[in-house]
């Protein structure tokens, strides 16, 4: 099985930055996630939206990296939102209580309407 490294790009809209993720979120994703988060917060948005639609895999280290992003968002009083999680990862977010801190939406339009 080949490992698909994570790719992250950032789009800015008024009041929100959208981080489009693809590939696998694991230990190898740390630098890319941190760089994307820094780019996302560069325009001081009130919220950052993580797009998981093209994410193939998240392991426990990947969950820890997402928790780190959540801590950064909370420290700067910024909302962290998400969409595109498949059923399995929505359940993981529920089990780990991330759903209590990261709003989960079915799609980008719903997330933008929820800001």
PDB file of N, CA and C in Angstrom:
ATOM      1  N   UNK A   1       0.842  -1.175   0.000  1.00  0.00           N
ATOM      2  CA  UNK A   1       0.000   0.000   0.000  1.00  0.00           C
ATOM      3  C   UNK A   1       0.883   1.233   0.000  1.00  0.00           C
ATOM      4  N   UNK A   2       0.695   2.118  -0.959  1.00  0.00           N
ATOM      5  CA  UNK A   2       1.478   3.344  -1.001  1.00  0.00           C
ATOM      6  C   UNK A   2       0.817   4.418  -0.142  1.00  0.00           C
ATOM      7  N   UNK A   3       1.650   5.217   0.467  1.00  0.00           N
ATOM      8  CA  UNK A   3       1.156   6.289   1.312  1.00  0.00           C
ATOM      9  C   UNK A   3       1.012   7.539   0.461  1.00  0.00           C
ATOM     10  N   UNK A   4      -0.169   8.116   0.516  1.00  0.00           N
ATOM     11  CA  UNK A   4      -0.455   9.337  -0.211  1.00  0.00           C
ATOM     12  C   UNK A   4      -0.224  10.501   0.742  1.00  0.00           C
ATOM     13  N   UNK A   5       0.810  11.280   0.505  1.00  0.00           N
ATOM     14  CA  UNK A   5       1.075  12.396   1.406  1.00  0.00           C
ATOM     15  C   UNK A   5      -0.048  13.418   1.310  1.00  0.00           C
ATOM     16  N   UNK A   6      -0.207  14.159   2.361  1.00  0.00           N
ATOM     17  CA  UNK A   6      -1.264  15.157   2.401  1.00  0.00           C
ATOM     18  C   UNK A   6      -0.876  16.358   1.544  1.00  0.00           C
ATOM     19  N   UNK A   7      -1.862  16.924   0.905  1.00  0.00           N
ATOM     20  CA  UNK A   7      -1.702  18.183   0.209  1.00  0.00           C
ATOM     21  C   UNK A   7      -2.726  19.128   0.797  1.00  0.00           C
ATOM     22  N   UNK A   8      -2.342  20.385   0.950  1.00  0.00           N
ATOM     23  CA  UNK A   8      -3.246  21.373   1.539  1.00  0.00           C
ATOM     24  C   UNK A   8      -3.114  22.684   0.788  1.00  0.00           C
ATOM     25  N   UNK A   9      -4.246  23.258   0.462  1.00  0.00           N
ATOM     26  CA  UNK A   9      -4.263  24.583  -0.154  1.00  0.00           C
ATOM     27  C   UNK A   9      -5.293  25.419   0.588  1.00  0.00           C
ATOM     28  N   UNK A  10      -5.132  26.725   0.506  1.00  0.00           N
ATOM     29  CA  UNK A  10      -5.977  27.632   1.281  1.00  0.00           C
ATOM     30  C   UNK A  10      -6.679  28.611   0.353  1.00  0.00           C
ATOM     31  N   UNK A  11      -7.962  28.768   0.591  1.00  0.00           N
ATOM     32  CA  UNK A  11      -8.760  29.787  -0.096  1.00  0.00           C
ATOM     33  C   UNK A  11      -9.302  30.736   0.959  1.00  0.00           C
ATOM     34  N   UNK A  12      -9.324  32.019   0.633  1.00  0.00           N
ATOM     35  CA  UNK A  12      -9.848  33.010   1.580  1.00  0.00           C
ATOM     36  C   UNK A  12     -11.149  33.597   1.057  1.00  0.00           C
ATOM     37  N   UNK A  13     -12.118  33.693   1.946  1.00  0.00           N
ATOM     38  CA  UNK A  13     -13.363  34.402   1.683  1.00  0.00           C
ATOM     39  C   UNK A  13     -13.561  35.355   2.843  1.00  0.00           C
ATOM     40  N   UNK A  14     -14.412  36.354   2.707  1.00  0.00           N
ATOM     41  CA  UNK A  14     -14.589  37.300   3.817  1.00  0.00           C
ATOM     42  C   UNK A  14     -14.926  36.583   5.129  1.00  0.00           C
ATOM     43  N   UNK A  15     -14.080  36.769   6.123  1.00  0.00           N
ATOM     44  CA  UNK A  15     -14.311  36.221   7.450  1.00  0.00           C
ATOM     45  C   UNK A  15     -13.976  34.761   7.648  1.00  0.00           C
ATOM     46  N   UNK A  16     -13.555  34.070   6.586  1.00  0.00           N
ATOM     47  CA  UNK A  16     -13.280  32.638   6.719  1.00  0.00           C
ATOM     48  C   UNK A  16     -12.166  32.223   5.763  1.00  0.00           C
ATOM     49  N   UNK A  17     -11.358  31.298   6.219  1.00  0.00           N
ATOM     50  CA  UNK A  17     -10.346  30.676   5.362  1.00  0.00           C
ATOM     51  C   UNK A  17     -10.720  29.209   5.216  1.00  0.00           C
ATOM     52  N   UNK A  18     -10.608  28.707   4.004  1.00  0.00           N
ATOM     53  CA  UNK A  18     -10.958  27.318   3.722  1.00  0.00           C
ATOM     54  C   UNK A  18      -9.678  26.559   3.383  1.00  0.00           C
ATOM     55  N   UNK A  19      -9.407  25.507   4.139  1.00  0.00           N
ATOM     56  CA  UNK A  19      -8.230  24.677   3.909  1.00  0.00           C
ATOM     57  C   UNK A  19      -8.686  23.392   3.235  1.00  0.00           C
ATOM     58  N   UNK A  20      -8.334  23.248   1.957  1.00  0.00           N
ATOM     59  CA  UNK A  20      -8.682  22.056   1.198  1.00  0.00           C
ATOM     60  C   UNK A  20      -7.578  21.015   1.392  1.00  0.00           C
ATOM     61  N   UNK A  21      -7.957  19.878   1.945  1.00  0.00           N
ATOM     62  CA  UNK A  21      -7.005  18.812   2.256  1.00  0.00           C
ATOM     63  C   UNK A  21      -7.232  17.626   1.326  1.00  0.00           C
ATOM     64  N   UNK A  22      -6.155  16.942   0.984  1.00  0.00           N
ATOM     65  CA  UNK A  22      -6.280  15.692   0.232  1.00  0.00           C
ATOM     66  C   UNK A  22      -5.142  14.766   0.638  1.00  0.00           C
ATOM     67  N   UNK A  23      -5.351  13.471   0.452  1.00  0.00           N
ATOM     68  CA  UNK A  23      -4.334  12.487   0.800  1.00  0.00           C
ATOM     69  C   UNK A  23      -4.572  11.898   2.170  1.00  0.00           C
ATOM     70  N   UNK A  24      -3.480  11.638   2.880  1.00  0.00           N
ATOM     71  CA  UNK A  24      -3.545  10.991   4.184  1.00  0.00           C
ATOM     72  C   UNK A  24      -3.052  11.933   5.271  1.00  0.00           C
ATOM     73  N   UNK A  25      -3.786  11.980   6.369  1.00  0.00           N
ATOM     74  CA  UNK A  25      -3.389  12.802   7.504  1.00  0.00           C
ATOM     75  C   UNK A  25      -2.803  11.863   8.549  1.00  0.00           C
ATOM     76  N   UNK A  26      -1.481  11.921   8.635  1.00  0.00           N
ATOM     77  CA  UNK A  26      -0.716  11.072   9.548  1.00  0.00           C
ATOM     78  C   UNK A  26       0.506  11.877   9.990  1.00  0.00           C
ATOM     79  N   UNK A  27       1.483  11.248  10.600  1.00  0.00           N
ATOM     80  CA  UNK A  27       2.658  11.968  11.108  1.00  0.00           C
ATOM     81  C   UNK A  27       3.361  12.770  10.013  1.00  0.00           C
ATOM     82  N   UNK A  28       3.366  12.242   8.807  1.00  0.00           N
ATOM     83  CA  UNK A  28       4.035  12.925   7.698  1.00  0.00           C
ATOM     84  C   UNK A  28       3.312  14.202   7.272  1.00  0.00           C
ATOM     85  N   UNK A  29       2.107  14.414   7.755  1.00  0.00           N
ATOM     86  CA  UNK A  29       1.305  15.574   7.362  1.00  0.00           C
ATOM     87  C   UNK A  29       1.541  16.804   8.229  1.00  0.00           C
ATOM     88  N   UNK A  30       2.323  16.666   9.282  1.00  0.00           N
ATOM     89  CA  UNK A  30       2.453  17.751  10.255  1.00  0.00           C
ATOM     90  C   UNK A  30       2.903  19.070   9.627  1.00  0.00           C
ATOM     91  N   UNK A  31       3.965  19.063   8.869  1.00  0.00           N
ATOM     92  CA  UNK A  31       4.487  20.305   8.292  1.00  0.00           C
ATOM     93  C   UNK A  31       3.481  20.937   7.334  1.00  0.00           C
ATOM     94  N   UNK A  32       2.845  20.128   6.503  1.00  0.00           N
ATOM     95  CA  UNK A  32       1.869  20.653   5.547  1.00  0.00           C
ATOM     96  C   UNK A  32       0.659  21.245   6.266  1.00  0.00           C
ATOM     97  N   UNK A  33       0.188  20.583   7.317  1.00  0.00           N
ATOM     98  CA  UNK A  33      -0.952  21.106   8.070  1.00  0.00           C
ATOM     99  C   UNK A  33      -0.611  22.411   8.766  1.00  0.00           C
ATOM    100  N   UNK A  34       0.567  22.464   9.364  1.00  0.00           N
ATOM    101  CA  UNK A  34       0.965  23.693  10.051  1.00  0.00           C
ATOM    102  C   UNK A  34       1.135  24.857   9.067  1.00  0.00           C
ATOM    103  N   UNK A  35       1.726  24.578   7.914  1.00  0.00           N
ATOM    104  CA  UNK A  35       1.901  25.626   6.892  1.00  0.00           C
ATOM    105  C   UNK A  35       0.541  26.106   6.390  1.00  0.00           C
ATOM    106  N   UNK A  36      -0.371  25.184   6.149  1.00  0.00           N
ATOM    107  CA  UNK A  36      -1.703  25.564   5.674  1.00  0.00           C
ATOM    108  C   UNK A  36      -2.449  26.366   6.737  1.00  0.00           C
ATOM    109  N   UNK A  37      -2.321  25.953   7.997  1.00  0.00           N
ATOM    110  CA  UNK A  37      -2.996  26.682   9.061  1.00  0.00           C
ATOM    111  C   UNK A  37      -2.432  28.099   9.174  1.00  0.00           C
ATOM    112  N   UNK A  38      -1.116  28.236   9.078  1.00  0.00           N
ATOM    113  CA  UNK A  38      -0.498  29.567   9.130  1.00  0.00           C
ATOM    114  C   UNK A  38      -0.985  30.439   7.977  1.00  0.00           C
ATOM    115  N   UNK A  39      -1.075  29.863   6.793  1.00  0.00           N
ATOM    116  CA  UNK A  39      -1.581  30.613   5.638  1.00  0.00           C
ATOM    117  C   UNK A  39      -3.047  30.981   5.839  1.00  0.00           C
ATOM    118  N   UNK A  40      -3.808  30.076   6.422  1.00  0.00           N
ATOM    119  CA  UNK A  40      -5.228  30.335   6.653  1.00  0.00           C
ATOM    120  C   UNK A  40      -5.438  31.477   7.632  1.00  0.00           C
ATOM    121  N   UNK A  41      -4.644  31.523   8.688  1.00  0.00           N
ATOM    122  CA  UNK A  41      -4.850  32.570   9.682  1.00  0.00           C
ATOM    123  C   UNK A  41      -4.161  33.881   9.323  1.00  0.00           C
ATOM    124  N   UNK A  42      -3.434  33.905   8.216  1.00  0.00           N
ATOM    125  CA  UNK A  42      -2.686  35.107   7.825  1.00  0.00           C
ATOM    126  C   UNK A  42      -3.565  36.335   7.593  1.00  0.00           C
ATOM    127  N   UNK A  43      -4.810  36.115   7.204  1.00  0.00           N
ATOM    128  CA  UNK A  43      -5.718  37.246   6.987  1.00  0.00           C
ATOM    129  C   UNK A  43      -6.686  37.433   8.153  1.00  0.00           C
ATOM    130  N   UNK A  44      -6.355  36.804   9.277  1.00  0.00           N
ATOM    131  CA  UNK A  44      -7.099  36.929  10.528  1.00  0.00           C
ATOM    132  C   UNK A  44      -8.605  36.660  10.380  1.00  0.00           C
ATOM    133  N   UNK A  45      -8.966  35.511   9.827  1.00  0.00           N
ATOM    134  CA  UNK A  45     -10.392  35.207   9.691  1.00  0.00           C
ATOM    135  C   UNK A  45     -11.007  34.848  11.040  1.00  0.00           C
ATOM    136  N   UNK A  46     -12.298  34.981  11.141  1.00  0.00           N
ATOM    137  CA  UNK A  46     -13.000  34.574  12.355  1.00  0.00           C
ATOM    138  C   UNK A  46     -13.138  33.073  12.457  1.00  0.00           C
ATOM    139  N   UNK A  47     -13.016  32.396  11.318  1.00  0.00           N
ATOM    140  CA  UNK A  47     -13.168  30.938  11.307  1.00  0.00           C
ATOM    141  C   UNK A  47     -12.265  30.321  10.240  1.00  0.00           C
ATOM    142  N   UNK A  48     -11.887  29.082  10.496  1.00  0.00           N
ATOM    143  CA  UNK A  48     -11.133  28.296   9.519  1.00  0.00           C
ATOM    144  C   UNK A  48     -11.930  27.026   9.272  1.00  0.00           C
ATOM    145  N   UNK A  49     -12.152  26.747   7.994  1.00  0.00           N
ATOM    146  CA  UNK A  49     -12.947  25.597   7.574  1.00  0.00           C
ATOM    147  C   UNK A  49     -12.024  24.552   6.962  1.00  0.00           C
ATOM    148  N   UNK A  50     -12.004  23.368   7.547  1.00  0.00           N
ATOM    149  CA  UNK A  50     -11.205  22.260   7.030  1.00  0.00           C
ATOM    150  C   UNK A  50     -12.062  21.413   6.107  1.00  0.00           C
ATOM    151  N   UNK A  51     -11.628  21.272   4.863  1.00  0.00           N
ATOM    152  CA  UNK A  51     -12.341  20.477   3.872  1.00  0.00           C
ATOM    153  C   UNK A  51     -11.684  19.106   3.783  1.00  0.00           C
ATOM    154  N   UNK A  52     -12.372  18.088   4.300  1.00  0.00           N
ATOM    155  CA  UNK A  52     -11.860  16.725   4.317  1.00  0.00           C
ATOM    156  C   UNK A  52     -12.366  15.882   3.146  1.00  0.00           C
ATOM    157  N   UNK A  53     -13.034  16.491   2.169  1.00  0.00           N
ATOM    158  CA  UNK A  53     -13.666  15.739   1.078  1.00  0.00           C
ATOM    159  C   UNK A  53     -12.719  14.812   0.331  1.00  0.00           C
ATOM    160  N   UNK A  54     -11.463  15.213   0.192  1.00  0.00           N
ATOM    161  CA  UNK A  54     -10.499  14.404  -0.568  1.00  0.00           C
ATOM    162  C   UNK A  54      -9.467  13.711   0.319  1.00  0.00           C
ATOM    163  N   UNK A  55      -9.768  13.614   1.609  1.00  0.00           N
ATOM    164  CA  UNK A  55      -8.877  12.925   2.534  1.00  0.00           C
ATOM    165  C   UNK A  55      -9.216  11.436   2.511  1.00  0.00           C
ATOM    166  N   UNK A  56      -8.194  10.616   2.261  1.00  0.00           N
ATOM    167  CA  UNK A  56      -8.380   9.178   2.161  1.00  0.00           C
ATOM    168  C   UNK A  56      -8.267   8.457   3.498  1.00  0.00           C
ATOM    169  N   UNK A  57      -7.472   9.025   4.413  1.00  0.00           N
ATOM    170  CA  UNK A  57      -7.139   8.286   5.624  1.00  0.00           C
ATOM    171  C   UNK A  57      -6.682   9.263   6.693  1.00  0.00           C
ATOM    172  N   UNK A  58      -7.123   9.027   7.926  1.00  0.00           N
ATOM    173  CA  UNK A  58      -6.654   9.782   9.091  1.00  0.00           C
ATOM    174  C   UNK A  58      -6.331   8.746  10.162  1.00  0.00           C
ATOM    175  N   UNK A  59      -5.077   8.739  10.634  1.00  0.00           N
ATOM    176  CA  UNK A  59      -4.762   7.807  11.712  1.00  0.00           C
ATOM    177  C   UNK A  59      -4.752   8.557  13.045  1.00  0.00           C
ATOM    178  N   UNK A  60      -4.378   7.884  14.113  1.00  0.00           N
ATOM    179  CA  UNK A  60      -4.427   8.507  15.442  1.00  0.00           C
ATOM    180  C   UNK A  60      -3.491   9.703  15.542  1.00  0.00           C
ATOM    181  N   UNK A  61      -2.350   9.642  14.885  1.00  0.00           N
ATOM    182  CA  UNK A  61      -1.448  10.791  14.875  1.00  0.00           C
ATOM    183  C   UNK A  61      -2.088  11.948  14.115  1.00  0.00           C
ATOM    184  N   UNK A  62      -2.810  11.634  13.048  1.00  0.00           N
ATOM    185  CA  UNK A  62      -3.533  12.657  12.302  1.00  0.00           C
ATOM    186  C   UNK A  62      -4.596  13.323  13.156  1.00  0.00           C
ATOM    187  N   UNK A  63      -5.301  12.539  13.959  1.00  0.00           N
ATOM    188  CA  UNK A  63      -6.293  13.106  14.886  1.00  0.00           C
ATOM    189  C   UNK A  63      -5.598  14.050  15.859  1.00  0.00           C
ATOM    190  N   UNK A  64      -4.429  13.645  16.361  1.00  0.00           N
ATOM    191  CA  UNK A  64      -3.672  14.503  17.279  1.00  0.00           C
ATOM    192  C   UNK A  64      -3.262  15.816  16.596  1.00  0.00           C
ATOM    193  N   UNK A  65      -2.913  15.747  15.319  1.00  0.00           N
ATOM    194  CA  UNK A  65      -2.559  16.963  14.584  1.00  0.00           C
ATOM    195  C   UNK A  65      -3.773  17.876  14.431  1.00  0.00           C
ATOM    196  N   UNK A  66      -4.934  17.296  14.209  1.00  0.00           N
ATOM    197  CA  UNK A  66      -6.156  18.096  14.119  1.00  0.00           C
ATOM    198  C   UNK A  66      -6.469  18.736  15.467  1.00  0.00           C
ATOM    199  N   UNK A  67      -6.253  17.992  16.548  1.00  0.00           N
ATOM    200  CA  UNK A  67      -6.438  18.548  17.894  1.00  0.00           C
ATOM    201  C   UNK A  67      -5.488  19.723  18.109  1.00  0.00           C
ATOM    202  N   UNK A  68      -4.275  19.616  17.606  1.00  0.00           N
ATOM    203  CA  UNK A  68      -3.322  20.727  17.716  1.00  0.00           C
ATOM    204  C   UNK A  68      -3.837  21.959  16.977  1.00  0.00           C
ATOM    205  N   UNK A  69      -4.405  21.767  15.786  1.00  0.00           N
ATOM    206  CA  UNK A  69      -4.994  22.895  15.054  1.00  0.00           C
ATOM    207  C   UNK A  69      -6.150  23.495  15.847  1.00  0.00           C
ATOM    208  N   UNK A  70      -6.944  22.637  16.458  1.00  0.00           N
ATOM    209  CA  UNK A  70      -8.045  23.111  17.298  1.00  0.00           C
ATOM    210  C   UNK A  70      -7.514  23.961  18.448  1.00  0.00           C
ATOM    211  N   UNK A  71      -6.443  23.525  19.087  1.00  0.00           N
ATOM    212  CA  UNK A  71      -5.854  24.291  20.194  1.00  0.00           C
ATOM    213  C   UNK A  71      -5.375  25.654  19.707  1.00  0.00           C
ATOM    214  N   UNK A  72      -4.770  25.702  18.535  1.00  0.00           N
ATOM    215  CA  UNK A  72      -4.317  26.972  17.970  1.00  0.00           C
ATOM    216  C   UNK A  72      -5.515  27.884  17.691  1.00  0.00           C
ATOM    217  N   UNK A  73      -6.563  27.315  17.131  1.00  0.00           N
ATOM    218  CA  UNK A  73      -7.758  28.111  16.828  1.00  0.00           C
ATOM    219  C   UNK A  73      -8.375  28.662  18.110  1.00  0.00           C
ATOM    220  N   UNK A  74      -8.492  27.828  19.099  1.00  0.00           N
ATOM    221  CA  UNK A  74      -9.080  28.271  20.368  1.00  0.00           C
ATOM    222  C   UNK A  74      -8.224  29.339  21.044  1.00  0.00           C
ATOM    223  N   UNK A  75      -6.902  29.199  20.963  1.00  0.00           N
ATOM    224  CA  UNK A  75      -6.003  30.192  21.570  1.00  0.00           C
ATOM    225  C   UNK A  75      -6.163  31.564  20.926  1.00  0.00           C
ATOM    226  N   UNK A  76      -6.504  31.570  19.651  1.00  0.00           N
ATOM    227  CA  UNK A  76      -6.684  32.851  18.949  1.00  0.00           C
ATOM    228  C   UNK A  76      -8.169  33.216  18.823  1.00  0.00           C
ATOM    229  N   UNK A  77      -9.008  32.524  19.570  1.00  0.00           N
ATOM    230  CA  UNK A  77     -10.453  32.765  19.591  1.00  0.00           C
ATOM    231  C   UNK A  77     -11.062  32.717  18.192  1.00  0.00           C
ATOM    232  N   UNK A  78     -10.673  31.670  17.474  1.00  0.00           N
ATOM    233  CA  UNK A  78     -11.126  31.457  16.101  1.00  0.00           C
ATOM    234  C   UNK A  78     -11.897  30.139  16.053  1.00  0.00           C
ATOM    235  N   UNK A  79     -13.017  30.117  15.346  1.00  0.00           N
ATOM    236  CA  UNK A  79     -13.786  28.874  15.188  1.00  0.00           C
ATOM    237  C   UNK A  79     -13.089  27.958  14.198  1.00  0.00           C
ATOM    238  N   UNK A  80     -13.167  26.675  14.462  1.00  0.00           N
ATOM    239  CA  UNK A  80     -12.669  25.668  13.535  1.00  0.00           C
ATOM    240  C   UNK A  80     -13.871  24.838  13.107  1.00  0.00           C
ATOM    241  N   UNK A  81     -14.092  24.777  11.794  1.00  0.00           N
ATOM    242  CA  UNK A  81     -15.223  24.076  11.210  1.00  0.00           C
ATOM    243  C   UNK A  81     -14.695  23.003  10.270  1.00  0.00           C
ATOM    244  N   UNK A  82     -15.555  22.073   9.905  1.00  0.00           N
ATOM    245  CA  UNK A  82     -15.132  21.046   8.965  1.00  0.00           C
ATOM    246  C   UNK A  82     -16.303  20.591   8.104  1.00  0.00           C
ATOM    247  N   UNK A  83     -15.955  20.010   6.970  1.00  0.00           N
ATOM    248  CA  UNK A  83     -16.948  19.333   6.141  1.00  0.00           C
ATOM    249  C   UNK A  83     -16.233  18.281   5.305  1.00  0.00           C
ATOM    250  N   UNK A  84     -17.037  17.393   4.734  1.00  0.00           N
ATOM    251  CA  UNK A  84     -16.482  16.373   3.863  1.00  0.00           C
ATOM    252  C   UNK A  84     -15.982  15.132   4.566  1.00  0.00           C
ATOM    253  N   UNK A  85     -16.215  15.015   5.861  1.00  0.00           N
ATOM    254  CA  UNK A  85     -15.817  13.802   6.578  1.00  0.00           C
ATOM    255  C   UNK A  85     -16.751  12.659   6.184  1.00  0.00           C
ATOM    256  N   UNK A  86     -16.187  11.492   5.919  1.00  0.00           N
ATOM    257  CA  UNK A  86     -17.050  10.351   5.636  1.00  0.00           C
ATOM    258  C   UNK A  86     -17.650   9.838   6.958  1.00  0.00           C
ATOM    259  N   UNK A  87     -18.561   8.895   6.873  1.00  0.00           N
ATOM    260  CA  UNK A  87     -19.251   8.397   8.067  1.00  0.00           C
ATOM    261  C   UNK A  87     -18.284   7.873   9.118  1.00  0.00           C
ATOM    262  N   UNK A  88     -17.263   7.162   8.683  1.00  0.00           N
ATOM    263  CA  UNK A  88     -16.290   6.593   9.625  1.00  0.00           C
ATOM    264  C   UNK A  88     -15.588   7.698  10.424  1.00  0.00           C
ATOM    265  N   UNK A  89     -15.119   8.731   9.755  1.00  0.00           N
ATOM    266  CA  UNK A  89     -14.390   9.784  10.461  1.00  0.00           C
ATOM    267  C   UNK A  89     -15.315  10.697  11.258  1.00  0.00           C
ATOM    268  N   UNK A  90     -16.560  10.859  10.826  1.00  0.00           N
ATOM    269  CA  UNK A  90     -17.530  11.575  11.668  1.00  0.00           C
ATOM    270  C   UNK A  90     -17.710  10.817  12.982  1.00  0.00           C
ATOM    271  N   UNK A  91     -17.764   9.488  12.904  1.00  0.00           N
ATOM    272  CA  UNK A  91     -17.887   8.673  14.118  1.00  0.00           C
ATOM    273  C   UNK A  91     -16.630   8.807  14.990  1.00  0.00           C
ATOM    274  N   UNK A  92     -15.466   8.816  14.387  1.00  0.00           N
ATOM    275  CA  UNK A  92     -14.222   9.015  15.152  1.00  0.00           C
ATOM    276  C   UNK A  92     -14.240  10.379  15.845  1.00  0.00           C
ATOM    277  N   UNK A  93     -14.683  11.413  15.133  1.00  0.00           N
ATOM    278  CA  UNK A  93     -14.777  12.744  15.746  1.00  0.00           C
ATOM    279  C   UNK A  93     -15.767  12.711  16.909  1.00  0.00           C
ATOM    280  N   UNK A  94     -16.840  11.929  16.767  1.00  0.00           N
ATOM    281  CA  UNK A  94     -17.817  11.824  17.855  1.00  0.00           C
ATOM    282  C   UNK A  94     -17.214  11.091  19.049  1.00  0.00           C
ATOM    283  N   UNK A  95     -16.568   9.963  18.804  1.00  0.00           N
ATOM    284  CA  UNK A  95     -15.977   9.162  19.876  1.00  0.00           C
ATOM    285  C   UNK A  95     -14.910   9.945  20.637  1.00  0.00           C
ATOM    286  N   UNK A  96     -14.132  10.720  19.923  1.00  0.00           N
ATOM    287  CA  UNK A  96     -13.052  11.493  20.550  1.00  0.00           C
ATOM    288  C   UNK A  96     -13.519  12.846  21.079  1.00  0.00           C
ATOM    289  N   UNK A  97     -14.803  13.118  20.964  1.00  0.00           N
ATOM    290  CA  UNK A  97     -15.421  14.370  21.419  1.00  0.00           C
ATOM    291  C   UNK A  97     -14.992  15.601  20.624  1.00  0.00           C
ATOM    292  N   UNK A  98     -14.343  15.405  19.490  1.00  0.00           N
ATOM    293  CA  UNK A  98     -14.000  16.554  18.648  1.00  0.00           C
ATOM    294  C   UNK A  98     -15.250  17.279  18.169  1.00  0.00           C
ATOM    295  N   UNK A  99     -16.368  16.559  18.049  1.00  0.00           N
ATOM    296  CA  UNK A  99     -17.612  17.198  17.606  1.00  0.00           C
ATOM    297  C   UNK A  99     -18.079  18.278  18.577  1.00  0.00           C
ATOM    298  N   UNK A 100     -17.583  18.234  19.815  1.00  0.00           N
ATOM    299  CA  UNK A 100     -17.936  19.265  20.788  1.00  0.00           C
ATOM    300  C   UNK A 100     -17.176  20.560  20.560  1.00  0.00           C
ATOM    301  N   UNK A 101     -16.138  20.506  19.729  1.00  0.00           N
ATOM    302  CA  UNK A 101     -15.271  21.668  19.535  1.00  0.00           C
ATOM    303  C   UNK A 101     -15.109  22.086  18.074  1.00  0.00           C
ATOM    304  N   UNK A 102     -15.365  21.170  17.162  1.00  0.00           N
ATOM    305  CA  UNK A 102     -15.256  21.440  15.730  1.00  0.00           C
ATOM    306  C   UNK A 102     -16.618  21.174  15.111  1.00  0.00           C
ATOM    307  N   UNK A 103     -17.244  22.225  14.595  1.00  0.00           N
ATOM    308  CA  UNK A 103     -18.537  22.037  13.936  1.00  0.00           C
ATOM    309  C   UNK A 103     -18.336  21.231  12.658  1.00  0.00           C
ATOM    310  N   UNK A 104     -19.197  20.251  12.444  1.00  0.00           N
ATOM    311  CA  UNK A 104     -19.112  19.384  11.264  1.00  0.00           C
ATOM    312  C   UNK A 104     -20.333  19.635  10.390  1.00  0.00           C
ATOM    313  N   UNK A 105     -20.080  19.943   9.131  1.00  0.00           N
ATOM    314  CA  UNK A 105     -21.135  20.226   8.171  1.00  0.00           C
ATOM    315  C   UNK A 105     -21.080  19.212   7.032  1.00  0.00           C
ATOM    316  N   UNK A 106     -22.195  19.008   6.342  1.00  0.00           N
ATOM    317  CA  UNK A 106     -22.207  18.031   5.250  1.00  0.00           C
ATOM    318  C   UNK A 106     -21.472  18.512   3.997  1.00  0.00           C
ATOM    319  N   UNK A 107     -21.450  19.839   3.792  1.00  0.00           N
ATOM    320  CA  UNK A 107     -20.807  20.371   2.587  1.00  0.00           C
ATOM    321  C   UNK A 107     -20.375  21.824   2.832  1.00  0.00           C
ATOM    322  N   UNK A 108     -19.672  22.375   1.858  1.00  0.00           N
ATOM    323  CA  UNK A 108     -19.129  23.728   2.004  1.00  0.00           C
ATOM    324  C   UNK A 108     -20.230  24.780   2.127  1.00  0.00           C
ATOM    325  N   UNK A 109     -21.283  24.652   1.339  1.00  0.00           N
ATOM    326  CA  UNK A 109     -22.365  25.634   1.387  1.00  0.00           C
ATOM    327  C   UNK A 109     -22.994  25.692   2.790  1.00  0.00           C
ATOM    328  N   UNK A 110     -23.235  24.544   3.373  1.00  0.00           N
ATOM    329  CA  UNK A 110     -23.815  24.496   4.726  1.00  0.00           C
ATOM    330  C   UNK A 110     -22.851  25.093   5.744  1.00  0.00           C
ATOM    331  N   UNK A 111     -21.562  24.809   5.580  1.00  0.00           N
ATOM    332  CA  UNK A 111     -20.567  25.358   6.506  1.00  0.00           C
ATOM    333  C   UNK A 111     -20.511  26.878   6.398  1.00  0.00           C
ATOM    334  N   UNK A 112     -20.483  27.391   5.180  1.00  0.00           N
ATOM    335  CA  UNK A 112     -20.435  28.854   5.001  1.00  0.00           C
ATOM    336  C   UNK A 112     -21.690  29.513   5.543  1.00  0.00           C
ATOM    337  N   UNK A 113     -22.838  28.874   5.380  1.00  0.00           N
ATOM    338  CA  UNK A 113     -24.085  29.409   5.930  1.00  0.00           C
ATOM    339  C   UNK A 113     -24.074  29.374   7.464  1.00  0.00           C
ATOM    340  N   UNK A 114     -23.305  28.437   8.037  1.00  0.00           N
ATOM    341  CA  UNK A 114     -23.242  28.281   9.486  1.00  0.00           C
ATOM    342  C   UNK A 114     -22.259  29.206  10.171  1.00  0.00           C
ATOM    343  N   UNK A 115     -21.520  29.981   9.393  1.00  0.00           N
ATOM    344  CA  UNK A 115     -20.511  30.878   9.998  1.00  0.00           C
ATOM    345  C   UNK A 115     -21.190  32.104  10.564  1.00  0.00           C
TER     346      UNK A 115
END
